[in-house]
Amino acid sequence: MQRWEYRDPMEVAERRERERQRRQAECGKCIYRASLEWRGNLLEICKKKRGYGRRCWFFEERP
């Protein structure tokens, strides 16, 4: 766990939710976005092997 995750559980949950929303806003409509279930967790990944959550030059919106 990271250092900030030892704080108040409500603050940790809010920070994780803000991060999820930021990533969704950046890459959520990209045609290269994919969902992957791994060890019981649902992960969002980039099919171009870029870091999900940072818009790159491959970004194309879904029609």
C-alpha atoms as a PDB file:
ATOM      1  CA  MET A   1       0.000   0.000   0.000  1.00  0.00           C
ATOM      2  CA  GLN A   2       1.057   3.532  -0.628  1.00  0.00           C
ATOM      3  CA  ARG A   3       1.603   6.031   2.155  1.00  0.00           C
ATOM      4  CA  TRP A   4      -1.606   7.990   1.487  1.00  0.00           C
ATOM      5  CA  GLU A   5      -3.695   4.803   1.845  1.00  0.00           C
ATOM      6  CA  TYR A   6      -3.076   4.666   5.615  1.00  0.00           C
ATOM      7  CA  ARG A   7      -5.179   7.794   6.209  1.00  0.00           C
ATOM      8  CA  ASP A   8      -8.867   8.087   6.945  1.00  0.00           C
ATOM      9  CA  PRO A   9     -10.696   5.328   4.996  1.00  0.00           C
ATOM     10  CA  MET A  10     -13.251   7.818   3.663  1.00  0.00           C
ATOM     11  CA  GLU A  11     -10.503  10.041   2.215  1.00  0.00           C
ATOM     12  CA  VAL A  12      -8.843   7.004   0.635  1.00  0.00           C
ATOM     13  CA  ALA A  13     -12.118   5.927  -0.989  1.00  0.00           C
ATOM     14  CA  GLU A  14     -12.738   9.469  -2.299  1.00  0.00           C
ATOM     15  CA  ARG A  15      -9.227   9.714  -3.738  1.00  0.00           C
ATOM     16  CA  ARG A  16      -9.544   6.352  -5.497  1.00  0.00           C
ATOM     17  CA  GLU A  17     -12.906   7.388  -6.953  1.00  0.00           C
ATOM     18  CA  ARG A  18     -11.498  10.722  -8.210  1.00  0.00           C
ATOM     19  CA  GLU A  19      -8.613   8.861  -9.853  1.00  0.00           C
ATOM     20  CA  ARG A  20     -11.018   6.397 -11.514  1.00  0.00           C
ATOM     21  CA  GLN A  21     -13.136   9.279 -12.840  1.00  0.00           C
ATOM     22  CA  ARG A  22     -10.061  11.114 -14.172  1.00  0.00           C
ATOM     23  CA  ARG A  23      -8.907   7.993 -16.033  1.00  0.00           C
ATOM     24  CA  GLN A  24     -12.402   7.438 -17.423  1.00  0.00           C
ATOM     25  CA  ALA A  25     -12.538  11.035 -18.672  1.00  0.00           C
ATOM     26  CA  GLU A  26      -9.177  10.692 -20.436  1.00  0.00           C
ATOM     27  CA  CYS A  27      -9.543   7.251 -22.054  1.00  0.00           C
ATOM     28  CA  GLY A  28     -13.134   6.166 -21.508  1.00  0.00           C
ATOM     29  CA  LYS A  29     -14.319   6.623 -25.099  1.00  0.00           C
ATOM     30  CA  CYS A  30     -11.168   5.368 -26.839  1.00  0.00           C
ATOM     31  CA  ILE A  31     -11.526   2.476 -29.271  1.00  0.00           C
ATOM     32  CA  TYR A  32      -8.399   0.843 -27.801  1.00  0.00           C
ATOM     33  CA  ARG A  33      -9.801   0.649 -24.258  1.00  0.00           C
ATOM     34  CA  ALA A  34     -10.502  -2.830 -22.889  1.00  0.00           C
ATOM     35  CA  SER A  35     -11.730  -4.311 -19.623  1.00  0.00           C
ATOM     36  CA  LEU A  36      -9.942  -7.248 -18.108  1.00  0.00           C
ATOM     37  CA  GLU A  37     -10.886  -9.314 -15.072  1.00  0.00           C
ATOM     38  CA  TRP A  38      -7.813 -10.489 -13.200  1.00  0.00           C
ATOM     39  CA  ARG A  39      -7.815 -12.131  -9.775  1.00  0.00           C
ATOM     40  CA  GLY A  40     -11.329 -10.918  -9.092  1.00  0.00           C
ATOM     41  CA  ASN A  41     -10.595  -7.275  -9.981  1.00  0.00           C
ATOM     42  CA  LEU A  42     -11.908  -5.483 -13.052  1.00  0.00           C
ATOM     43  CA  LEU A  43      -9.048  -3.619 -14.723  1.00  0.00           C
ATOM     44  CA  GLU A  44      -9.159  -1.088 -17.535  1.00  0.00           C
ATOM     45  CA  ILE A  45      -6.288  -1.457 -19.992  1.00  0.00           C
ATOM     46  CA  CYS A  46      -5.071   0.039 -23.247  1.00  0.00           C
ATOM     47  CA  LYS A  47      -4.796  -2.363 -26.198  1.00  0.00           C
ATOM     48  CA  LYS A  48      -1.882  -0.290 -27.533  1.00  0.00           C
ATOM     49  CA  LYS A  49       0.021  -1.059 -24.298  1.00  0.00           C
ATOM     50  CA  ARG A  50       0.022   2.561 -23.224  1.00  0.00           C
ATOM     51  CA  GLY A  51      -0.752   3.500 -19.651  1.00  0.00           C
ATOM     52  CA  TYR A  52      -4.525   3.627 -19.217  1.00  0.00           C
ATOM     53  CA  GLY A  53      -5.623   7.017 -17.958  1.00  0.00           C
ATOM     54  CA  ARG A  54      -3.264   9.222 -19.960  1.00  0.00           C
ATOM     55  CA  ARG A  55      -4.524  10.252 -23.372  1.00  0.00           C
ATOM     56  CA  CYS A  56      -1.999   9.398 -26.080  1.00  0.00           C
ATOM     57  CA  TRP A  57      -1.673  10.035 -29.813  1.00  0.00           C
ATOM     58  CA  PHE A  58      -3.496   6.756 -30.584  1.00  0.00           C
ATOM     59  CA  PHE A  59      -6.721   8.084 -29.021  1.00  0.00           C
ATOM     60  CA  GLU A  60      -9.744   7.657 -31.286  1.00  0.00           C
ATOM     61  CA  GLU A  61     -13.337   8.038 -30.127  1.00  0.00           C
ATOM     62  CA  ARG A  62     -15.806   5.237 -30.577  1.00  0.00           C
ATOM     63  CA  PRO A  63     -18.451   5.961 -33.210  1.00  0.00           C
END
